[in-house]
PDB file of N, CA and C in Angstrom:
ATOM      1  N   MET A   1      13.966  -2.825  -5.563  1.00  0.00           N
ATOM      2  CA  MET A   1      12.555  -2.805  -5.900  1.00  0.00           C
ATOM      3  C   MET A   1      12.314  -2.868  -7.405  1.00  0.00           C
ATOM      4  N   ASP A   2      13.357  -2.825  -8.198  1.00  0.00           N
ATOM      5  CA  ASP A   2      13.179  -2.937  -9.645  1.00  0.00           C
ATOM      6  C   ASP A   2      12.501  -4.246 -10.032  1.00  0.00           C
ATOM      7  N   ALA A   3      12.846  -5.342  -9.363  1.00  0.00           N
ATOM      8  CA  ALA A   3      12.226  -6.635  -9.658  1.00  0.00           C
ATOM      9  C   ALA A   3      10.735  -6.602  -9.323  1.00  0.00           C
ATOM     10  N   LEU A   4      10.381  -5.963  -8.227  1.00  0.00           N
ATOM     11  CA  LEU A   4       8.968  -5.849  -7.864  1.00  0.00           C
ATOM     12  C   LEU A   4       8.221  -5.014  -8.885  1.00  0.00           C
ATOM     13  N   ASP A   5       8.781  -3.878  -9.264  1.00  0.00           N
ATOM     14  CA  ASP A   5       8.133  -3.023 -10.257  1.00  0.00           C
ATOM     15  C   ASP A   5       7.915  -3.781 -11.561  1.00  0.00           C
ATOM     16  N   SER A   6       8.897  -4.535 -11.970  1.00  0.00           N
ATOM     17  CA  SER A   6       8.790  -5.310 -13.202  1.00  0.00           C
ATOM     18  C   SER A   6       7.710  -6.383 -13.088  1.00  0.00           C
ATOM     19  N   ALA A   7       7.670  -7.083 -11.973  1.00  0.00           N
ATOM     20  CA  ALA A   7       6.675  -8.138 -11.775  1.00  0.00           C
ATOM     21  C   ALA A   7       5.255  -7.584 -11.733  1.00  0.00           C
ATOM     22  N   LEU A   8       5.080  -6.402 -11.119  1.00  0.00           N
ATOM     23  CA  LEU A   8       3.745  -5.800 -11.045  1.00  0.00           C
ATOM     24  C   LEU A   8       3.263  -5.326 -12.415  1.00  0.00           C
ATOM     25  N   ALA A   9       4.177  -4.872 -13.260  1.00  0.00           N
ATOM     26  CA  ALA A   9       3.811  -4.234 -14.524  1.00  0.00           C
ATOM     27  C   ALA A   9       3.705  -5.187 -15.706  1.00  0.00           C
ATOM     28  N   SER A  10       4.406  -6.306 -15.675  1.00  0.00           N
ATOM     29  CA  SER A  10       4.390  -7.188 -16.843  1.00  0.00           C
ATOM     30  C   SER A  10       4.612  -8.634 -16.425  1.00  0.00           C
ATOM     31  N   GLY A  11       4.363  -9.526 -17.339  1.00  0.00           N
ATOM     32  CA  GLY A  11       4.556 -10.938 -17.055  1.00  0.00           C
ATOM     33  C   GLY A  11       3.297 -11.611 -16.580  1.00  0.00           C
ATOM     34  N   PRO A  12       3.394 -12.873 -16.210  1.00  0.00           N
ATOM     35  CA  PRO A  12       2.203 -13.659 -15.867  1.00  0.00           C
ATOM     36  C   PRO A  12       1.495 -13.221 -14.588  1.00  0.00           C
ATOM     37  N   LEU A  13       2.175 -12.510 -13.720  1.00  0.00           N
ATOM     38  CA  LEU A  13       1.560 -12.072 -12.457  1.00  0.00           C
ATOM     39  C   LEU A  13       1.273 -10.575 -12.426  1.00  0.00           C
ATOM     40  N   ALA A  14       1.276  -9.916 -13.570  1.00  0.00           N
ATOM     41  CA  ALA A  14       1.068  -8.470 -13.626  1.00  0.00           C
ATOM     42  C   ALA A  14      -0.309  -8.084 -13.067  1.00  0.00           C
ATOM     43  N   VAL A  15      -0.339  -6.964 -12.373  1.00  0.00           N
ATOM     44  CA  VAL A  15      -1.573  -6.436 -11.781  1.00  0.00           C
ATOM     45  C   VAL A  15      -1.634  -4.940 -12.034  1.00  0.00           C
ATOM     46  N   ASP A  16      -2.821  -4.361 -11.875  1.00  0.00           N
ATOM     47  CA  ASP A  16      -2.945  -2.914 -12.044  1.00  0.00           C
ATOM     48  C   ASP A  16      -2.159  -2.165 -10.969  1.00  0.00           C
ATOM     49  N   PHE A  17      -2.254  -2.640  -9.722  1.00  0.00           N
ATOM     50  CA  PHE A  17      -1.578  -1.990  -8.602  1.00  0.00           C
ATOM     51  C   PHE A  17      -1.121  -3.033  -7.592  1.00  0.00           C
ATOM     52  N   GLY A  18       0.021  -2.772  -6.950  1.00  0.00           N
ATOM     53  CA  GLY A  18       0.403  -3.538  -5.780  1.00  0.00           C
ATOM     54  C   GLY A  18      -0.343  -2.949  -4.586  1.00  0.00           C
ATOM     55  N   PHE A  19      -0.646  -3.758  -3.593  1.00  0.00           N
ATOM     56  CA  PHE A  19      -1.439  -3.333  -2.441  1.00  0.00           C
ATOM     57  C   PHE A  19      -0.846  -3.954  -1.186  1.00  0.00           C
ATOM     58  N   LEU A  20      -0.723  -3.152  -0.131  1.00  0.00           N
ATOM     59  CA  LEU A  20      -0.325  -3.718   1.153  1.00  0.00           C
ATOM     60  C   LEU A  20      -0.892  -2.883   2.279  1.00  0.00           C
ATOM     61  N   GLN A  21      -1.027  -3.537   3.421  1.00  0.00           N
ATOM     62  CA  GLN A  21      -1.391  -2.863   4.657  1.00  0.00           C
ATOM     63  C   GLN A  21      -0.370  -3.260   5.706  1.00  0.00           C
ATOM     64  N   CYS A  22      -0.152  -2.369   6.674  1.00  0.00           N
ATOM     65  CA  CYS A  22       0.870  -2.619   7.686  1.00  0.00           C
ATOM     66  C   CYS A  22       0.510  -1.881   8.969  1.00  0.00           C
ATOM     67  N   ARG A  23       1.327  -2.095   9.980  1.00  0.00           N
ATOM     68  CA  ARG A  23       1.176  -1.334  11.223  1.00  0.00           C
ATOM     69  C   ARG A  23       1.718   0.080  11.019  1.00  0.00           C
ATOM     70  N   GLU A  24       1.211   1.007  11.762  1.00  0.00           N
ATOM     71  CA  GLU A  24       1.670   2.405  11.680  1.00  0.00           C
ATOM     72  C   GLU A  24       3.179   2.509  11.925  1.00  0.00           C
ATOM     73  N   ALA A  25       3.694   1.655  12.788  1.00  0.00           N
ATOM     74  CA  ALA A  25       5.112   1.716  13.159  1.00  0.00           C
ATOM     75  C   ALA A  25       6.066   1.470  11.990  1.00  0.00           C
ATOM     76  N   VAL A  26       5.605   0.825  10.930  1.00  0.00           N
ATOM     77  CA  VAL A  26       6.504   0.517   9.807  1.00  0.00           C
ATOM     78  C   VAL A  26       6.144   1.275   8.528  1.00  0.00           C
ATOM     79  N   THR A  27       5.269   2.265   8.620  1.00  0.00           N
ATOM     80  CA  THR A  27       4.883   3.010   7.421  1.00  0.00           C
ATOM     81  C   THR A  27       6.059   3.745   6.786  1.00  0.00           C
ATOM     82  N   GLY A  28       6.970   4.233   7.585  1.00  0.00           N
ATOM     83  CA  GLY A  28       8.144   4.932   7.052  1.00  0.00           C
ATOM     84  C   GLY A  28       8.994   4.041   6.162  1.00  0.00           C
ATOM     85  N   PHE A  29       9.119   2.779   6.544  1.00  0.00           N
ATOM     86  CA  PHE A  29       9.880   1.842   5.725  1.00  0.00           C
ATOM     87  C   PHE A  29       9.241   1.703   4.347  1.00  0.00           C
ATOM     88  N   TYR A  30       7.948   1.429   4.298  1.00  0.00           N
ATOM     89  CA  TYR A  30       7.294   1.241   3.001  1.00  0.00           C
ATOM     90  C   TYR A  30       7.308   2.517   2.164  1.00  0.00           C
ATOM     91  N   ALA A  31       7.110   3.656   2.798  1.00  0.00           N
ATOM     92  CA  ALA A  31       7.185   4.925   2.057  1.00  0.00           C
ATOM     93  C   ALA A  31       8.581   5.127   1.471  1.00  0.00           C
ATOM     94  N   SER A  32       9.601   4.732   2.209  1.00  0.00           N
ATOM     95  CA  SER A  32      10.980   4.927   1.734  1.00  0.00           C
ATOM     96  C   SER A  32      11.356   3.965   0.606  1.00  0.00           C
ATOM     97  N   THR A  33      10.564   2.919   0.397  1.00  0.00           N
ATOM     98  CA  THR A  33      10.868   1.950  -0.662  1.00  0.00           C
ATOM     99  C   THR A  33       9.947   2.098  -1.874  1.00  0.00           C
ATOM    100  N   GLY A  34       9.227   3.224  -1.940  1.00  0.00           N
ATOM    101  CA  GLY A  34       8.458   3.515  -3.145  1.00  0.00           C
ATOM    102  C   GLY A  34       6.970   3.251  -3.087  1.00  0.00           C
ATOM    103  N   TRP A  35       6.479   2.749  -1.963  1.00  0.00           N
ATOM    104  CA  TRP A  35       5.039   2.563  -1.814  1.00  0.00           C
ATOM    105  C   TRP A  35       4.410   3.905  -1.466  1.00  0.00           C
ATOM    106  N   THR A  36       3.167   4.134  -1.906  1.00  0.00           N
ATOM    107  CA  THR A  36       2.460   5.386  -1.654  1.00  0.00           C
ATOM    108  C   THR A  36       1.262   5.122  -0.753  1.00  0.00           C
ATOM    109  N   ARG A  37       1.193   5.856   0.339  1.00  0.00           N
ATOM    110  CA  ARG A  37       0.064   5.692   1.253  1.00  0.00           C
ATOM    111  C   ARG A  37      -1.168   6.352   0.647  1.00  0.00           C
ATOM    112  N   VAL A  38      -2.302   5.654   0.721  1.00  0.00           N
ATOM    113  CA  VAL A  38      -3.555   6.198   0.206  1.00  0.00           C
ATOM    114  C   VAL A  38      -4.565   6.311   1.346  1.00  0.00           C
ATOM    115  N   PRO A  39      -5.483   7.279   1.242  1.00  0.00           N
ATOM    116  CA  PRO A  39      -6.426   7.517   2.334  1.00  0.00           C
ATOM    117  C   PRO A  39      -7.687   6.654   2.286  1.00  0.00           C
ATOM    118  N   ASN A  40      -7.814   5.800   1.291  1.00  0.00           N
ATOM    119  CA  ASN A  40      -9.029   5.004   1.133  1.00  0.00           C
ATOM    120  C   ASN A  40      -9.305   4.146   2.368  1.00  0.00           C
ATOM    121  N   PRO A  41     -10.546   4.132   2.840  1.00  0.00           N
ATOM    122  CA  PRO A  41     -10.895   3.186   3.900  1.00  0.00           C
ATOM    123  C   PRO A  41     -10.886   1.767   3.321  1.00  0.00           C
ATOM    124  N   THR A  42     -10.550   0.788   4.166  1.00  0.00           N
ATOM    125  CA  THR A  42     -10.478  -0.600   3.729  1.00  0.00           C
ATOM    126  C   THR A  42     -11.389  -1.454   4.599  1.00  0.00           C
ATOM    127  N   ARG A  43     -12.192  -2.287   3.951  1.00  0.00           N
ATOM    128  CA  ARG A  43     -13.118  -3.187   4.646  1.00  0.00           C
ATOM    129  C   ARG A  43     -12.621  -4.620   4.482  1.00  0.00           C
ATOM    130  N   PHE A  44     -12.696  -5.400   5.583  1.00  0.00           N
ATOM    131  CA  PHE A  44     -12.252  -6.793   5.547  1.00  0.00           C
ATOM    132  C   PHE A  44     -12.888  -7.552   6.700  1.00  0.00           C
ATOM    133  N   LEU A  45     -12.818  -8.862   6.656  1.00  0.00           N
ATOM    134  CA  LEU A  45     -13.338  -9.687   7.735  1.00  0.00           C
ATOM    135  C   LEU A  45     -12.344  -9.766   8.875  1.00  0.00           C
ATOM    136  N   SER A  46     -12.849  -9.862  10.083  1.00  0.00           N
ATOM    137  CA  SER A  46     -12.016  -9.947  11.270  1.00  0.00           C
ATOM    138  C   SER A  46     -11.202 -11.232  11.272  1.00  0.00           C
ATOM    139  N   VAL A  47      -9.940 -11.133  11.681  1.00  0.00           N
ATOM    140  CA  VAL A  47      -9.116 -12.329  11.821  1.00  0.00           C
ATOM    141  C   VAL A  47      -9.514 -13.139  13.053  1.00  0.00           C
ATOM    142  N   ARG A  48     -10.276 -12.538  13.946  1.00  0.00           N
ATOM    143  CA  ARG A  48     -10.697 -13.237  15.167  1.00  0.00           C
ATOM    144  C   ARG A  48     -11.803 -14.249  14.907  1.00  0.00           C
ATOM    145  N   ASP A  49     -12.770 -13.883  14.043  1.00  0.00           N
ATOM    146  CA  ASP A  49     -13.885 -14.812  13.835  1.00  0.00           C
ATOM    147  C   ASP A  49     -14.297 -14.982  12.372  1.00  0.00           C
ATOM    148  N   ALA A  50     -13.676 -14.269  11.459  1.00  0.00           N
ATOM    149  CA  ALA A  50     -13.957 -14.349  10.012  1.00  0.00           C
ATOM    150  C   ALA A  50     -15.419 -14.088   9.670  1.00  0.00           C
ATOM    151  N   ARG A  51     -16.121 -13.403  10.573  1.00  0.00           N
ATOM    152  CA  ARG A  51     -17.521 -13.039  10.319  1.00  0.00           C
ATOM    153  C   ARG A  51     -17.760 -11.542  10.503  1.00  0.00           C
ATOM    154  N   THR A  52     -17.074 -10.973  11.489  1.00  0.00           N
ATOM    155  CA  THR A  52     -17.229  -9.557  11.787  1.00  0.00           C
ATOM    156  C   THR A  52     -16.527  -8.734  10.708  1.00  0.00           C
ATOM    157  N   VAL A  53     -17.213  -7.694  10.240  1.00  0.00           N
ATOM    158  CA  VAL A  53     -16.626  -6.822   9.228  1.00  0.00           C
ATOM    159  C   VAL A  53     -15.934  -5.656   9.929  1.00  0.00           C
ATOM    160  N   ASN A  54     -14.666  -5.455   9.625  1.00  0.00           N
ATOM    161  CA  ASN A  54     -13.885  -4.336  10.158  1.00  0.00           C
ATOM    162  C   ASN A  54     -13.603  -3.355   9.035  1.00  0.00           C
ATOM    163  N   GLU A  55     -13.326  -2.133   9.428  1.00  0.00           N
ATOM    164  CA  GLU A  55     -13.016  -1.118   8.423  1.00  0.00           C
ATOM    165  C   GLU A  55     -11.919  -0.200   8.925  1.00  0.00           C
ATOM    166  N   GLY A  56     -10.872  -0.034   8.100  1.00  0.00           N
ATOM    167  CA  GLY A  56      -9.860   0.989   8.306  1.00  0.00           C
ATOM    168  C   GLY A  56      -8.941   0.857   9.481  1.00  0.00           C
ATOM    169  N   GLU A  57      -8.525  -0.343   9.863  1.00  0.00           N
ATOM    170  CA  GLU A  57      -7.646  -0.492  11.012  1.00  0.00           C
ATOM    171  C   GLU A  57      -6.175  -0.280  10.699  1.00  0.00           C
ATOM    172  N   PHE A  58      -5.758  -0.448   9.447  1.00  0.00           N
ATOM    173  CA  PHE A  58      -4.344  -0.427   9.097  1.00  0.00           C
ATOM    174  C   PHE A  58      -4.051   0.590   8.000  1.00  0.00           C
ATOM    175  N   PRO A  59      -2.873   1.215   8.023  1.00  0.00           N
ATOM    176  CA  PRO A  59      -2.468   2.084   6.912  1.00  0.00           C
ATOM    177  C   PRO A  59      -2.419   1.270   5.615  1.00  0.00           C
ATOM    178  N   THR A  60      -2.823   1.894   4.516  1.00  0.00           N
ATOM    179  CA  THR A  60      -2.883   1.231   3.216  1.00  0.00           C
ATOM    180  C   THR A  60      -1.919   1.897   2.249  1.00  0.00           C
ATOM    181  N   PHE A  61      -1.156   1.072   1.534  1.00  0.00           N
ATOM    182  CA  PHE A  61      -0.188   1.537   0.548  1.00  0.00           C
ATOM    183  C   PHE A  61      -0.437   0.858  -0.790  1.00  0.00           C
ATOM    184  N   VAL A  62      -0.154   1.578  -1.868  1.00  0.00           N
ATOM    185  CA  VAL A  62      -0.237   1.004  -3.214  1.00  0.00           C
ATOM    186  C   VAL A  62       1.031   1.343  -3.982  1.00  0.00           C
ATOM    187  N   ARG A  63       1.216   0.608  -5.071  1.00  0.00           N
ATOM    188  CA  ARG A  63       2.372   0.814  -5.942  1.00  0.00           C
ATOM    189  C   ARG A  63       1.900   0.589  -7.367  1.00  0.00           C
ATOM    190  N   PRO A  64       2.300   1.424  -8.318  1.00  0.00           N
ATOM    191  CA  PRO A  64       1.842   1.245  -9.694  1.00  0.00           C
ATOM    192  C   PRO A  64       2.286  -0.095 -10.271  1.00  0.00           C
ATOM    193  N   GLY A  65       1.416  -0.668 -11.080  1.00  0.00           N
ATOM    194  CA  GLY A  65       1.731  -1.884 -11.825  1.00  0.00           C
ATOM    195  C   GLY A  65       1.519  -1.582 -13.302  1.00  0.00           C
ATOM    196  N   ARG A  66       0.446  -2.146 -13.866  1.00  0.00           N
ATOM    197  CA  ARG A  66       0.133  -1.871 -15.273  1.00  0.00           C
ATOM    198  C   ARG A  66      -0.459  -0.478 -15.451  1.00  0.00           C
ATOM    199  N   ARG A  67      -0.971   0.101 -14.373  1.00  0.00           N
ATOM    200  CA  ARG A  67      -1.588   1.428 -14.453  1.00  0.00           C
ATOM    201  C   ARG A  67      -0.804   2.416 -13.588  1.00  0.00           C
ATOM    202  N   PRO A  68      -0.772   3.677 -13.981  1.00  0.00           N
ATOM    203  CA  PRO A  68      -0.045   4.672 -13.184  1.00  0.00           C
ATOM    204  C   PRO A  68      -0.788   5.000 -11.889  1.00  0.00           C
ATOM    205  N   LEU A  69      -0.050   5.452 -10.910  1.00  0.00           N
ATOM    206  CA  LEU A  69      -0.624   5.794  -9.618  1.00  0.00           C
ATOM    207  C   LEU A  69      -1.742   6.828  -9.746  1.00  0.00           C
ATOM    208  N   SER A  70      -1.662   7.697 -10.739  1.00  0.00           N
ATOM    209  CA  SER A  70      -2.695   8.725 -10.942  1.00  0.00           C
ATOM    210  C   SER A  70      -4.062   8.113 -11.232  1.00  0.00           C
ATOM    211  N   GLU A  71      -4.115   6.841 -11.612  1.00  0.00           N
ATOM    212  CA  GLU A  71      -5.385   6.170 -11.897  1.00  0.00           C
ATOM    213  C   GLU A  71      -5.934   5.385 -10.708  1.00  0.00           C
ATOM    214  N   TRP A  72      -5.259   5.454  -9.554  1.00  0.00           N
ATOM    215  CA  TRP A  72      -5.772   4.774  -8.362  1.00  0.00           C
ATOM    216  C   TRP A  72      -7.133   5.379  -8.024  1.00  0.00           C
ATOM    217  N   PRO A  73      -8.182   4.559  -7.864  1.00  0.00           N
ATOM    218  CA  PRO A  73      -9.534   5.097  -7.641  1.00  0.00           C
ATOM    219  C   PRO A  73      -9.757   5.593  -6.214  1.00  0.00           C
ATOM    220  N   ASP A  74     -10.700   6.505  -6.084  1.00  0.00           N
ATOM    221  CA  ASP A  74     -11.159   6.958  -4.777  1.00  0.00           C
ATOM    222  C   ASP A  74     -12.150   5.927  -4.247  1.00  0.00           C
ATOM    223  N   GLY A  75     -12.462   6.031  -2.965  1.00  0.00           N
ATOM    224  CA  GLY A  75     -13.524   5.217  -2.391  1.00  0.00           C
ATOM    225  C   GLY A  75     -13.036   4.021  -1.602  1.00  0.00           C
ATOM    226  N   LEU A  76     -14.004   3.266  -1.140  1.00  0.00           N
ATOM    227  CA  LEU A  76     -13.782   2.114  -0.275  1.00  0.00           C
ATOM    228  C   LEU A  76     -13.040   0.990  -0.995  1.00  0.00           C
ATOM    229  N   ILE A  77     -12.089   0.379  -0.301  1.00  0.00           N
ATOM    230  CA  ILE A  77     -11.423  -0.835  -0.770  1.00  0.00           C
ATOM    231  C   ILE A  77     -12.058  -1.981   0.008  1.00  0.00           C
ATOM    232  N   ASP A  78     -12.752  -2.865  -0.663  1.00  0.00           N
ATOM    233  CA  ASP A  78     -13.395  -4.001   0.000  1.00  0.00           C
ATOM    234  C   ASP A  78     -12.621  -5.262  -0.352  1.00  0.00           C
ATOM    235  N   LEU A  79     -11.902  -5.802   0.624  1.00  0.00           N
ATOM    236  CA  LEU A  79     -11.098  -6.994   0.379  1.00  0.00           C
ATOM    237  C   LEU A  79     -11.964  -8.254   0.232  1.00  0.00           C
ATOM    238  N   ARG A  80     -13.204  -8.175   0.670  1.00  0.00           N
ATOM    239  CA  ARG A  80     -14.144  -9.299   0.544  1.00  0.00           C
ATOM    240  C   ARG A  80     -13.592 -10.589   1.163  1.00  0.00           C
ATOM    241  N   GLY A  81     -12.921 -10.417   2.273  1.00  0.00           N
ATOM    242  CA  GLY A  81     -12.350 -11.560   2.975  1.00  0.00           C
ATOM    243  C   GLY A  81     -11.381 -11.097   4.041  1.00  0.00           C
ATOM    244  N   LEU A  82     -10.520 -12.004   4.445  1.00  0.00           N
ATOM    245  CA  LEU A  82      -9.527 -11.696   5.466  1.00  0.00           C
ATOM    246  C   LEU A  82      -8.451 -10.757   4.905  1.00  0.00           C
ATOM    247  N   PRO A  83      -7.756 -10.023   5.779  1.00  0.00           N
ATOM    248  CA  PRO A  83      -6.780  -9.031   5.302  1.00  0.00           C
ATOM    249  C   PRO A  83      -5.411  -9.598   4.949  1.00  0.00           C
ATOM    250  N   TRP A  84      -5.361 -10.750   4.320  1.00  0.00           N
ATOM    251  CA  TRP A  84      -4.107 -11.289   3.793  1.00  0.00           C
ATOM    252  C   TRP A  84      -4.385 -12.195   2.641  1.00  0.00           C
TER     253      TRP A  84
END
């Protein structure tokens, strides 16, 4: 995961935080590789029709990039589109 940490924190693709969602069945894997589960609800468009708005169906994980995990904000995460 050192390469991922480096890519998130610096270089042309650097971001404040890495973000992923997954099925509950694989949360242990992501937690064991350094991702941190956050309680924020997530809003996104349905994959079935791309019109219906869904909220909070999948566990959400983040990873520090340019900013430390302590700066991860509270509140709703609105993907403003499909969940990928």
